[in-house]
PDB file of N, CA and C in Angstrom:
ATOM      1  N   MET A   1       6.380   7.492  -7.236  1.00  0.00           N
ATOM      2  CA  MET A   1       5.326   7.481  -8.203  1.00  0.00           C
ATOM      3  C   MET A   1       5.499   6.179  -9.000  1.00  0.00           C
ATOM      4  N   VAL A   2       6.828   5.826  -9.229  1.00  0.00           N
ATOM      5  CA  VAL A   2       7.206   4.509 -10.002  1.00  0.00           C
ATOM      6  C   VAL A   2       6.676   3.303  -9.142  1.00  0.00           C
ATOM      7  N   LEU A   3       6.785   3.406  -7.882  1.00  0.00           N
ATOM      8  CA  LEU A   3       6.349   2.277  -7.000  1.00  0.00           C
ATOM      9  C   LEU A   3       4.830   2.046  -7.138  1.00  0.00           C
ATOM     10  N   ILE A   4       4.190   3.251  -7.015  1.00  0.00           N
ATOM     11  CA  ILE A   4       2.653   3.207  -7.057  1.00  0.00           C
ATOM     12  C   ILE A   4       2.279   2.636  -8.515  1.00  0.00           C
ATOM     13  N   PHE A   5       2.845   3.227  -9.410  1.00  0.00           N
ATOM     14  CA  PHE A   5       2.420   2.739 -10.797  1.00  0.00           C
ATOM     15  C   PHE A   5       2.751   1.228 -11.019  1.00  0.00           C
ATOM     16  N   THR A   6       3.916   0.763 -10.502  1.00  0.00           N
ATOM     17  CA  THR A   6       4.317  -0.655 -10.619  1.00  0.00           C
ATOM     18  C   THR A   6       3.254  -1.580  -9.926  1.00  0.00           C
ATOM     19  N   LEU A   7       2.846  -1.111  -8.617  1.00  0.00           N
ATOM     20  CA  LEU A   7       2.048  -1.872  -7.649  1.00  0.00           C
ATOM     21  C   LEU A   7       0.485  -1.938  -8.558  1.00  0.00           C
ATOM     22  N   SER A   8       0.161  -0.726  -9.135  1.00  0.00           N
ATOM     23  CA  SER A   8      -1.080  -0.748  -9.893  1.00  0.00           C
ATOM     24  C   SER A   8      -1.252  -1.502 -11.037  1.00  0.00           C
ATOM     25  N   SER A   9      -0.003  -1.870 -11.579  1.00  0.00           N
ATOM     26  CA  SER A   9       0.034  -2.710 -12.840  1.00  0.00           C
ATOM     27  C   SER A   9      -0.085  -4.112 -12.627  1.00  0.00           C
ATOM     28  N   ILE A  10      -0.115  -4.608 -11.396  1.00  0.00           N
ATOM     29  CA  ILE A  10      -0.090  -6.014 -11.050  1.00  0.00           C
ATOM     30  C   ILE A  10      -1.670  -6.440 -11.085  1.00  0.00           C
ATOM     31  N   PRO A  11      -1.992  -7.383 -12.046  1.00  0.00           N
ATOM     32  CA  PRO A  11      -3.409  -7.670 -12.213  1.00  0.00           C
ATOM     33  C   PRO A  11      -3.990  -8.300 -10.813  1.00  0.00           C
ATOM     34  N   ASN A  12      -3.149  -9.157 -10.187  1.00  0.00           N
ATOM     35  CA  ASN A  12      -3.792  -9.723  -9.103  1.00  0.00           C
ATOM     36  C   ASN A  12      -2.723  -9.571  -7.882  1.00  0.00           C
ATOM     37  N   PRO A  13      -2.844  -8.361  -7.292  1.00  0.00           N
ATOM     38  CA  PRO A  13      -1.745  -8.084  -6.137  1.00  0.00           C
ATOM     39  C   PRO A  13      -1.928  -9.071  -5.120  1.00  0.00           C
ATOM     40  N   PRO A  14      -0.760  -9.317  -4.336  1.00  0.00           N
ATOM     41  CA  PRO A  14      -0.790 -10.451  -3.209  1.00  0.00           C
ATOM     42  C   PRO A  14      -1.709  -9.784  -2.024  1.00  0.00           C
ATOM     43  N   GLU A  15      -2.231 -10.786  -1.333  1.00  0.00           N
ATOM     44  CA  GLU A  15      -3.050 -10.366  -0.242  1.00  0.00           C
ATOM     45  C   GLU A  15      -2.366  -9.635   0.806  1.00  0.00           C
ATOM     46  N   LEU A  16      -3.060  -8.542   1.319  1.00  0.00           N
ATOM     47  CA  LEU A  16      -2.432  -7.899   2.423  1.00  0.00           C
ATOM     48  C   LEU A  16      -2.650  -8.591   3.784  1.00  0.00           C
ATOM     49  N   PRO A  17      -1.849  -8.343   4.737  1.00  0.00           N
ATOM     50  CA  PRO A  17      -2.058  -8.967   5.980  1.00  0.00           C
ATOM     51  C   PRO A  17      -3.305  -8.555   6.597  1.00  0.00           C
ATOM     52  N   THR A  18      -3.953  -9.309   7.362  1.00  0.00           N
ATOM     53  CA  THR A  18      -5.348  -8.919   7.864  1.00  0.00           C
ATOM     54  C   THR A  18      -5.331  -7.668   8.629  1.00  0.00           C
ATOM     55  N   GLU A  19      -4.188  -7.314   9.243  1.00  0.00           N
ATOM     56  CA  GLU A  19      -4.187  -6.047  10.136  1.00  0.00           C
ATOM     57  C   GLU A  19      -4.176  -4.873   9.064  1.00  0.00           C
ATOM     58  N   VAL A  20      -3.952  -4.940   7.732  1.00  0.00           N
ATOM     59  CA  VAL A  20      -3.820  -3.845   6.855  1.00  0.00           C
ATOM     60  C   VAL A  20      -4.964  -3.996   5.773  1.00  0.00           C
ATOM     61  N   SER A  21      -5.709  -2.742   5.879  1.00  0.00           N
ATOM     62  CA  SER A  21      -6.845  -2.833   4.788  1.00  0.00           C
ATOM     63  C   SER A  21      -6.365  -2.278   3.533  1.00  0.00           C
ATOM     64  N   ASP A  22      -6.906  -2.393   2.480  1.00  0.00           N
ATOM     65  CA  ASP A  22      -6.778  -1.894   1.160  1.00  0.00           C
ATOM     66  C   ASP A  22      -6.567  -0.291   1.188  1.00  0.00           C
ATOM     67  N   LYS A  23      -7.464   0.173   1.847  1.00  0.00           N
ATOM     68  CA  LYS A  23      -7.514   1.746   1.977  1.00  0.00           C
ATOM     69  C   LYS A  23      -6.266   2.108   2.886  1.00  0.00           C
ATOM     70  N   GLY A  24      -6.085   1.400   3.871  1.00  0.00           N
ATOM     71  CA  GLY A  24      -4.913   1.619   4.604  1.00  0.00           C
ATOM     72  C   GLY A  24      -3.660   1.690   3.895  1.00  0.00           C
ATOM     73  N   ALA A  25      -3.508   0.709   2.969  1.00  0.00           N
ATOM     74  CA  ALA A  25      -2.209   0.621   2.179  1.00  0.00           C
ATOM     75  C   ALA A  25      -2.300   1.768   1.183  1.00  0.00           C
ATOM     76  N   HIS A  26      -3.356   2.162   0.630  1.00  0.00           N
ATOM     77  CA  HIS A  26      -3.460   3.273  -0.241  1.00  0.00           C
ATOM     78  C   HIS A  26      -2.968   4.599   0.494  1.00  0.00           C
ATOM     79  N   ALA A  27      -3.515   4.803   1.680  1.00  0.00           N
ATOM     80  CA  ALA A  27      -3.169   5.886   2.532  1.00  0.00           C
ATOM     81  C   ALA A  27      -1.685   5.997   2.984  1.00  0.00           C
ATOM     82  N   ALA A  28      -1.226   4.824   3.203  1.00  0.00           N
ATOM     83  CA  ALA A  28       0.309   4.622   3.657  1.00  0.00           C
ATOM     84  C   ALA A  28       1.137   5.018   2.311  1.00  0.00           C
ATOM     85  N   LEU A  29       0.708   4.594   1.219  1.00  0.00           N
ATOM     86  CA  LEU A  29       1.606   5.010  -0.014  1.00  0.00           C
ATOM     87  C   LEU A  29       1.480   6.398  -0.341  1.00  0.00           C
ATOM     88  N   TYR A  30       0.432   7.028  -0.195  1.00  0.00           N
ATOM     89  CA  TYR A  30       0.124   8.377  -0.539  1.00  0.00           C
ATOM     90  C   TYR A  30       0.740   9.256   0.567  1.00  0.00           C
ATOM     91  N   PHE A  31       0.781   8.798   1.746  1.00  0.00           N
ATOM     92  CA  PHE A  31       1.457   9.508   2.829  1.00  0.00           C
ATOM     93  C   PHE A  31       2.973   9.718   2.485  1.00  0.00           C
ATOM     94  N   GLY A  32       3.422   8.616   1.986  1.00  0.00           N
ATOM     95  CA  GLY A  32       4.988   8.630   1.580  1.00  0.00           C
ATOM     96  C   GLY A  32       5.097   9.702   0.405  1.00  0.00           C
ATOM     97  N   LEU A  33       4.125   9.466  -0.654  1.00  0.00           N
ATOM     98  CA  LEU A  33       4.263  10.434  -1.725  1.00  0.00           C
ATOM     99  C   LEU A  33       4.069  11.912  -1.294  1.00  0.00           C
ATOM    100  N   GLY A  34       3.044  12.170  -0.576  1.00  0.00           N
ATOM    101  CA  GLY A  34       2.822  13.560  -0.050  1.00  0.00           C
ATOM    102  C   GLY A  34       4.124  13.990   0.707  1.00  0.00           C
ATOM    103  N   ALA A  35       4.625  13.286   1.547  1.00  0.00           N
ATOM    104  CA  ALA A  35       5.917  13.699   2.362  1.00  0.00           C
ATOM    105  C   ALA A  35       6.992  14.045   1.393  1.00  0.00           C
ATOM    106  N   LEU A  36       7.293  12.996   0.417  1.00  0.00           N
ATOM    107  CA  LEU A  36       8.221  13.405  -0.498  1.00  0.00           C
ATOM    108  C   LEU A  36       8.009  14.715  -1.439  1.00  0.00           C
ATOM    109  N   LEU A  37       6.787  14.714  -1.770  1.00  0.00           N
ATOM    110  CA  LEU A  37       6.604  16.027  -2.692  1.00  0.00           C
ATOM    111  C   LEU A  37       6.785  17.275  -1.747  1.00  0.00           C
ATOM    112  N   VAL A  38       6.320  17.277  -0.470  1.00  0.00           N
ATOM    113  CA  VAL A  38       6.415  18.366   0.332  1.00  0.00           C
ATOM    114  C   VAL A  38       7.931  18.740   0.443  1.00  0.00           C
ATOM    115  N   ARG A  39       8.675  17.771   0.692  1.00  0.00           N
ATOM    116  CA  ARG A  39      10.056  18.072   0.832  1.00  0.00           C
ATOM    117  C   ARG A  39      10.800  18.512  -0.515  1.00  0.00           C
ATOM    118  N   SER A  40      10.376  17.897  -1.501  1.00  0.00           N
ATOM    119  CA  SER A  40      10.929  18.272  -2.815  1.00  0.00           C
ATOM    120  C   SER A  40      10.547  19.820  -3.135  1.00  0.00           C
ATOM    121  N   LEU A  41       9.254  20.076  -2.932  1.00  0.00           N
ATOM    122  CA  LEU A  41       8.823  21.399  -3.269  1.00  0.00           C
ATOM    123  C   LEU A  41       9.488  22.405  -2.383  1.00  0.00           C
ATOM    124  N   SER A  42       9.846  22.071  -1.106  1.00  0.00           N
ATOM    125  CA  SER A  42      10.411  22.959  -0.289  1.00  0.00           C
ATOM    126  C   SER A  42      11.932  23.183  -0.618  1.00  0.00           C
ATOM    127  N   ARG A  43      12.338  22.437  -1.448  1.00  0.00           N
ATOM    128  CA  ARG A  43      13.771  22.482  -1.965  1.00  0.00           C
ATOM    129  C   ARG A  43      14.971  22.180  -1.156  1.00  0.00           C
ATOM    130  N   ARG A  44      14.798  21.995   0.142  1.00  0.00           N
ATOM    131  CA  ARG A  44      15.651  21.422   0.988  1.00  0.00           C
ATOM    132  C   ARG A  44      15.141  21.140   2.459  1.00  0.00           C
ATOM    133  N   TRP A  45      15.710  20.179   3.041  1.00  0.00           N
ATOM    134  CA  TRP A  45      15.216  19.710   4.339  1.00  0.00           C
ATOM    135  C   TRP A  45      14.995  20.766   5.385  1.00  0.00           C
ATOM    136  N   SER A  46      15.861  21.694   5.450  1.00  0.00           N
ATOM    137  CA  SER A  46      15.758  22.687   6.634  1.00  0.00           C
ATOM    138  C   SER A  46      14.922  23.829   6.254  1.00  0.00           C
ATOM    139  N   ARG A  47      14.444  24.021   5.112  1.00  0.00           N
ATOM    140  CA  ARG A  47      13.586  25.053   4.723  1.00  0.00           C
ATOM    141  C   ARG A  47      12.100  24.857   5.268  1.00  0.00           C
ATOM    142  N   PRO A  48      11.513  25.857   5.911  1.00  0.00           N
ATOM    143  CA  PRO A  48      10.095  25.598   6.526  1.00  0.00           C
ATOM    144  C   PRO A  48       9.091  25.203   5.378  1.00  0.00           C
ATOM    145  N   VAL A  49       8.072  24.484   5.624  1.00  0.00           N
ATOM    146  CA  VAL A  49       7.111  24.166   4.749  1.00  0.00           C
ATOM    147  C   VAL A  49       6.008  25.196   4.893  1.00  0.00           C
ATOM    148  N   THR A  50       5.625  25.892   3.789  1.00  0.00           N
ATOM    149  CA  THR A  50       4.596  26.846   3.760  1.00  0.00           C
ATOM    150  C   THR A  50       3.373  26.146   3.397  1.00  0.00           C
ATOM    151  N   LEU A  51       2.219  26.884   3.718  1.00  0.00           N
ATOM    152  CA  LEU A  51       0.928  26.315   3.520  1.00  0.00           C
ATOM    153  C   LEU A  51       0.662  26.162   1.969  1.00  0.00           C
ATOM    154  N   GLY A  52       1.201  27.113   1.268  1.00  0.00           N
ATOM    155  CA  GLY A  52       1.144  26.787  -0.282  1.00  0.00           C
ATOM    156  C   GLY A  52       1.849  25.608  -0.767  1.00  0.00           C
ATOM    157  N   THR A  53       2.977  25.288  -0.127  1.00  0.00           N
ATOM    158  CA  THR A  53       3.676  24.117  -0.631  1.00  0.00           C
ATOM    159  C   THR A  53       3.060  22.935  -0.197  1.00  0.00           C
ATOM    160  N   ALA A  54       2.460  22.732   1.027  1.00  0.00           N
ATOM    161  CA  ALA A  54       1.658  21.743   1.536  1.00  0.00           C
ATOM    162  C   ALA A  54       0.346  21.445   0.546  1.00  0.00           C
ATOM    163  N   THR A  55      -0.235  22.592   0.191  1.00  0.00           N
ATOM    164  CA  THR A  55      -1.345  22.533  -0.649  1.00  0.00           C
ATOM    165  C   THR A  55      -1.007  21.958  -2.032  1.00  0.00           C
ATOM    166  N   ILE A  56      -0.026  22.437  -2.588  1.00  0.00           N
ATOM    167  CA  ILE A  56       0.497  22.020  -3.949  1.00  0.00           C
ATOM    168  C   ILE A  56       0.770  20.471  -3.824  1.00  0.00           C
ATOM    169  N   ALA A  57       1.511  20.037  -2.774  1.00  0.00           N
ATOM    170  CA  ALA A  57       1.793  18.608  -2.661  1.00  0.00           C
ATOM    171  C   ALA A  57       0.502  17.724  -2.580  1.00  0.00           C
ATOM    172  N   VAL A  58      -0.431  18.197  -1.809  1.00  0.00           N
ATOM    173  CA  VAL A  58      -1.733  17.463  -1.827  1.00  0.00           C
ATOM    174  C   VAL A  58      -2.411  17.426  -3.104  1.00  0.00           C
ATOM    175  N   ILE A  59      -2.489  18.631  -3.843  1.00  0.00           N
ATOM    176  CA  ILE A  59      -3.232  18.485  -5.099  1.00  0.00           C
ATOM    177  C   ILE A  59      -2.434  17.699  -6.134  1.00  0.00           C
ATOM    178  N   VAL A  60      -0.979  17.692  -6.103  1.00  0.00           N
ATOM    179  CA  VAL A  60      -0.348  16.933  -7.147  1.00  0.00           C
ATOM    180  C   VAL A  60      -0.575  15.431  -6.698  1.00  0.00           C
ATOM    181  N   SER A  61      -0.527  15.064  -5.517  1.00  0.00           N
ATOM    182  CA  SER A  61      -0.753  13.749  -5.109  1.00  0.00           C
ATOM    183  C   SER A  61      -2.183  13.312  -5.307  1.00  0.00           C
ATOM    184  N   ALA A  62      -3.154  14.077  -5.180  1.00  0.00           N
ATOM    185  CA  ALA A  62      -4.547  13.746  -5.566  1.00  0.00           C
ATOM    186  C   ALA A  62      -4.707  13.496  -7.048  1.00  0.00           C
ATOM    187  N   ALA A  63      -4.116  14.442  -7.804  1.00  0.00           N
ATOM    188  CA  ALA A  63      -4.099  14.204  -9.262  1.00  0.00           C
ATOM    189  C   ALA A  63      -3.551  12.913  -9.612  1.00  0.00           C
ATOM    190  N   TYR A  64      -2.416  12.627  -9.056  1.00  0.00           N
ATOM    191  CA  TYR A  64      -1.626  11.323  -9.331  1.00  0.00           C
ATOM    192  C   TYR A  64      -2.669  10.179  -8.959  1.00  0.00           C
ATOM    193  N   GLY A  65      -3.305  10.419  -7.888  1.00  0.00           N
ATOM    194  CA  GLY A  65      -4.235   9.286  -7.479  1.00  0.00           C
ATOM    195  C   GLY A  65      -5.350   9.053  -8.439  1.00  0.00           C
ATOM    196  N   VAL A  66      -5.872  10.205  -9.036  1.00  0.00           N
ATOM    197  CA  VAL A  66      -6.806  10.147 -10.150  1.00  0.00           C
ATOM    198  C   VAL A  66      -6.294   9.245 -11.329  1.00  0.00           C
ATOM    199  N   SER A  67      -4.970   9.711 -11.648  1.00  0.00           N
ATOM    200  CA  SER A  67      -4.352   8.926 -12.918  1.00  0.00           C
ATOM    201  C   SER A  67      -4.112   7.519 -12.546  1.00  0.00           C
ATOM    202  N   ASP A  68      -3.816   7.289 -11.254  1.00  0.00           N
ATOM    203  CA  ASP A  68      -3.616   5.856 -10.834  1.00  0.00           C
ATOM    204  C   ASP A  68      -4.882   5.081 -10.944  1.00  0.00           C
ATOM    205  N   GLU A  69      -6.078   5.748 -10.526  1.00  0.00           N
ATOM    206  CA  GLU A  69      -7.253   4.950 -10.587  1.00  0.00           C
ATOM    207  C   GLU A  69      -7.649   4.724 -12.062  1.00  0.00           C
ATOM    208  N   ILE A  70      -7.405   5.629 -12.915  1.00  0.00           N
ATOM    209  CA  ILE A  70      -7.745   5.399 -14.364  1.00  0.00           C
ATOM    210  C   ILE A  70      -6.754   4.439 -14.972  1.00  0.00           C
ATOM    211  N   HIS A  71      -5.532   4.418 -14.438  1.00  0.00           N
ATOM    212  CA  HIS A  71      -4.565   3.354 -14.975  1.00  0.00           C
ATOM    213  C   HIS A  71      -5.086   2.023 -14.586  1.00  0.00           C
ATOM    214  N   GLN A  72      -5.617   1.797 -13.304  1.00  0.00           N
ATOM    215  CA  GLN A  72      -6.156   0.560 -12.792  1.00  0.00           C
ATOM    216  C   GLN A  72      -7.355   0.019 -13.684  1.00  0.00           C
ATOM    217  N   TYR A  73      -8.107   1.024 -14.177  1.00  0.00           N
ATOM    218  CA  TYR A  73      -9.280   0.629 -15.046  1.00  0.00           C
ATOM    219  C   TYR A  73      -8.835  -0.195 -16.197  1.00  0.00           C
ATOM    220  N   PHE A  74      -7.675  -0.004 -16.744  1.00  0.00           N
ATOM    221  CA  PHE A  74      -7.221  -0.738 -17.833  1.00  0.00           C
ATOM    222  C   PHE A  74      -6.379  -1.968 -17.422  1.00  0.00           C
ATOM    223  N   VAL A  75      -6.315  -2.280 -16.115  1.00  0.00           N
ATOM    224  CA  VAL A  75      -5.609  -3.655 -15.720  1.00  0.00           C
ATOM    225  C   VAL A  75      -6.575  -4.512 -15.253  1.00  0.00           C
ATOM    226  N   PRO A  76      -7.090  -5.428 -16.206  1.00  0.00           N
ATOM    227  CA  PRO A  76      -8.075  -6.316 -15.606  1.00  0.00           C
ATOM    228  C   PRO A  76      -7.396  -7.313 -14.577  1.00  0.00           C
ATOM    229  N   PRO A  77      -8.091  -7.786 -13.611  1.00  0.00           N
ATOM    230  CA  PRO A  77      -9.517  -7.437 -13.202  1.00  0.00           C
ATOM    231  C   PRO A  77      -9.610  -6.237 -12.226  1.00  0.00           C
ATOM    232  N   ARG A  78      -8.447  -5.290 -12.175  1.00  0.00           N
ATOM    233  CA  ARG A  78      -8.584  -4.227 -11.335  1.00  0.00           C
ATOM    234  C   ARG A  78      -9.790  -3.242 -11.697  1.00  0.00           C
ATOM    235  N   ARG A  79     -10.103  -2.344 -10.845  1.00  0.00           N
ATOM    236  CA  ARG A  79     -11.158  -1.405 -11.287  1.00  0.00           C
ATOM    237  C   ARG A  79     -10.823  -0.034 -10.429  1.00  0.00           C
ATOM    238  N   MET A  80     -11.615   0.955 -10.855  1.00  0.00           N
ATOM    239  CA  MET A  80     -11.493   2.326 -10.243  1.00  0.00           C
ATOM    240  C   MET A  80     -12.316   2.321  -9.057  1.00  0.00           C
ATOM    241  N   GLU A  81     -11.913   3.065  -8.043  1.00  0.00           N
ATOM    242  CA  GLU A  81     -12.747   3.046  -6.734  1.00  0.00           C
ATOM    243  C   GLU A  81     -12.530   4.552  -6.232  1.00  0.00           C
ATOM    244  N   ALA A  82     -13.624   5.175  -5.943  1.00  0.00           N
ATOM    245  CA  ALA A  82     -13.520   6.585  -5.451  1.00  0.00           C
ATOM    246  C   ALA A  82     -12.987   6.478  -4.078  1.00  0.00           C
ATOM    247  N   LEU A  83     -13.336   5.391  -3.309  1.00  0.00           N
ATOM    248  CA  LEU A  83     -12.804   5.301  -1.878  1.00  0.00           C
ATOM    249  C   LEU A  83     -11.313   5.205  -1.881  1.00  0.00           C
ATOM    250  N   ASP A  84     -10.764   4.522  -2.918  1.00  0.00           N
ATOM    251  CA  ASP A  84      -9.280   4.505  -2.975  1.00  0.00           C
ATOM    252  C   ASP A  84      -8.699   5.928  -3.219  1.00  0.00           C
ATOM    253  N   LEU A  85      -9.286   6.628  -4.027  1.00  0.00           N
ATOM    254  CA  LEU A  85      -8.827   8.016  -4.331  1.00  0.00           C
ATOM    255  C   LEU A  85      -9.069   8.887  -3.061  1.00  0.00           C
ATOM    256  N   LEU A  86     -10.091   8.686  -2.222  1.00  0.00           N
ATOM    257  CA  LEU A  86     -10.269   9.271  -0.922  1.00  0.00           C
ATOM    258  C   LEU A  86      -9.132   8.982   0.060  1.00  0.00           C
ATOM    259  N   ALA A  87      -8.831   7.631   0.101  1.00  0.00           N
ATOM    260  CA  ALA A  87      -7.732   7.217   0.900  1.00  0.00           C
ATOM    261  C   ALA A  87      -6.393   7.763   0.505  1.00  0.00           C
ATOM    262  N   ASP A  88      -6.156   7.843  -0.907  1.00  0.00           N
ATOM    263  CA  ASP A  88      -4.941   8.416  -1.330  1.00  0.00           C
ATOM    264  C   ASP A  88      -4.836   9.900  -0.914  1.00  0.00           C
ATOM    265  N   THR A  89      -5.779  10.699  -1.046  1.00  0.00           N
ATOM    266  CA  THR A  89      -5.994  12.128  -0.737  1.00  0.00           C
ATOM    267  C   THR A  89      -5.718  12.282   0.790  1.00  0.00           C
ATOM    268  N   MET A  90      -6.362  11.433   1.601  1.00  0.00           N
ATOM    269  CA  MET A  90      -6.212  11.561   3.007  1.00  0.00           C
ATOM    270  C   MET A  90      -4.754  11.291   3.452  1.00  0.00           C
ATOM    271  N   GLY A  91      -4.149  10.286   2.913  1.00  0.00           N
ATOM    272  CA  GLY A  91      -2.720  10.058   3.199  1.00  0.00           C
ATOM    273  C   GLY A  91      -1.861  11.118   2.904  1.00  0.00           C
ATOM    274  N   ALA A  92      -1.963  11.713   1.660  1.00  0.00           N
ATOM    275  CA  ALA A  92      -1.077  12.830   1.207  1.00  0.00           C
ATOM    276  C   ALA A  92      -1.475  14.034   2.258  1.00  0.00           C
ATOM    277  N   THR A  93      -2.612  14.263   2.506  1.00  0.00           N
ATOM    278  CA  THR A  93      -3.067  15.466   3.305  1.00  0.00           C
ATOM    279  C   THR A  93      -2.487  15.380   4.688  1.00  0.00           C
ATOM    280  N   THR A  94      -2.436  14.323   5.289  1.00  0.00           N
ATOM    281  CA  THR A  94      -1.913  13.923   6.615  1.00  0.00           C
ATOM    282  C   THR A  94      -0.390  14.087   6.609  1.00  0.00           C
ATOM    283  N   ALA A  95       0.363  13.684   5.552  1.00  0.00           N
ATOM    284  CA  ALA A  95       1.719  14.008   5.525  1.00  0.00           C
ATOM    285  C   ALA A  95       1.965  15.380   5.419  1.00  0.00           C
ATOM    286  N   ALA A  96       1.259  16.091   4.497  1.00  0.00           N
ATOM    287  CA  ALA A  96       1.582  17.575   4.133  1.00  0.00           C
ATOM    288  C   ALA A  96       1.139  18.387   5.502  1.00  0.00           C
ATOM    289  N   GLY A  97       0.167  18.018   6.111  1.00  0.00           N
ATOM    290  CA  GLY A  97      -0.346  18.670   7.275  1.00  0.00           C
ATOM    291  C   GLY A  97       0.713  18.474   8.423  1.00  0.00           C
ATOM    292  N   ALA A  98       1.202  17.339   8.638  1.00  0.00           N
ATOM    293  CA  ALA A  98       2.106  17.064   9.614  1.00  0.00           C
ATOM    294  C   ALA A  98       3.530  17.758   9.433  1.00  0.00           C
ATOM    295  N   LEU A  99       3.858  17.833   8.132  1.00  0.00           N
ATOM    296  CA  LEU A  99       5.140  18.525   7.929  1.00  0.00           C
ATOM    297  C   LEU A  99       5.013  20.039   8.029  1.00  0.00           C
ATOM    298  N   TYR A 100       3.784  20.574   7.777  1.00  0.00           N
ATOM    299  CA  TYR A 100       3.415  21.937   7.872  1.00  0.00           C
ATOM    300  C   TYR A 100       3.435  22.309   9.429  1.00  0.00           C
ATOM    301  N   ALA A 101       2.804  21.491  10.111  1.00  0.00           N
ATOM    302  CA  ALA A 101       2.644  21.747  11.524  1.00  0.00           C
ATOM    303  C   ALA A 101       3.915  21.626  12.251  1.00  0.00           C
ATOM    304  N   TRP A 102       4.780  20.726  11.746  1.00  0.00           N
ATOM    305  CA  TRP A 102       6.120  20.494  12.383  1.00  0.00           C
ATOM    306  C   TRP A 102       6.938  21.715  12.070  1.00  0.00           C
ATOM    307  N   GLY A 103       6.801  22.287  10.845  1.00  0.00           N
ATOM    308  CA  GLY A 103       7.611  23.558  10.654  1.00  0.00           C
ATOM    309  C   GLY A 103       7.069  24.693  11.652  1.00  0.00           C
ATOM    310  N   ILE A 104       5.777  24.756  11.903  1.00  0.00           N
ATOM    311  CA  ILE A 104       5.343  25.800  12.848  1.00  0.00           C
ATOM    312  C   ILE A 104       5.937  25.554  14.206  1.00  0.00           C
ATOM    313  N   ILE A 105       5.829  24.317  14.590  1.00  0.00           N
ATOM    314  CA  ILE A 105       6.272  23.950  16.009  1.00  0.00           C
ATOM    315  C   ILE A 105       7.850  24.165  16.161  1.00  0.00           C
ATOM    316  N   ARG A 106       8.578  23.834  15.023  1.00  0.00           N
ATOM    317  CA  ARG A 106      10.072  24.260  15.070  1.00  0.00           C
ATOM    318  C   ARG A 106      10.300  25.659  15.002  1.00  0.00           C
ATOM    319  N   GLY A 107       9.515  26.370  14.374  1.00  0.00           N
ATOM    320  CA  GLY A 107       9.744  27.835  14.347  1.00  0.00           C
ATOM    321  C   GLY A 107       9.519  28.520  15.628  1.00  0.00           C
ATOM    322  N   ARG A 108       8.483  27.907  16.440  1.00  0.00           N
ATOM    323  CA  ARG A 108       8.208  28.550  17.779  1.00  0.00           C
ATOM    324  C   ARG A 108       9.135  28.157  18.808  1.00  0.00           C
ATOM    325  N   ASN A 109       9.772  27.028  18.602  1.00  0.00           N
ATOM    326  CA  ASN A 109      10.776  26.567  19.558  1.00  0.00           C
ATOM    327  C   ASN A 109      12.116  26.980  19.195  1.00  0.00           C
ATOM    328  N   GLY A 110      12.281  27.590  17.925  1.00  0.00           N
ATOM    329  CA  GLY A 110      13.695  27.917  17.704  1.00  0.00           C
ATOM    330  C   GLY A 110      14.536  26.762  17.224  1.00  0.00           C
ATOM    331  N   LEU A 111      13.976  25.665  16.814  1.00  0.00           N
ATOM    332  CA  LEU A 111      14.697  24.431  16.502  1.00  0.00           C
ATOM    333  C   LEU A 111      15.282  24.585  15.092  1.00  0.00           C
TER     334      LEU A 111
END
C-alpha cells in the first residue's frame, strides 16, 4: 500500500514502456496487493484460501483503490479515473481468484 501511495503522490510519473498500458500497471500493482492481502488474511502460507478470504481481500483492495483515486485528485495534474479503479479491482480479483483456485487444486491433488 505504501508503494501504491508513493507512486500516486508523483505529480508527473515517468512514462511507461510502450508495451505496458496505464491500466495494465494498475492491474499489476493491485494484483500484488490482492495476493498479499489474501495470504495475510489466510494467516499462513500453507492454509487454504477460502472464498470469504478471497472476497474480503478484493473488497479491501477495491476500497484502497477508491482511496487512491481520491488521493490522486489532490495531486495536480493527476486526476481520478473510473477505469483505473476498474483495473485495480480486476487485478486484485485475478490474484484472489487464482489463489483460491490454487487452493482447490492443491486440495484435490493432496499437495
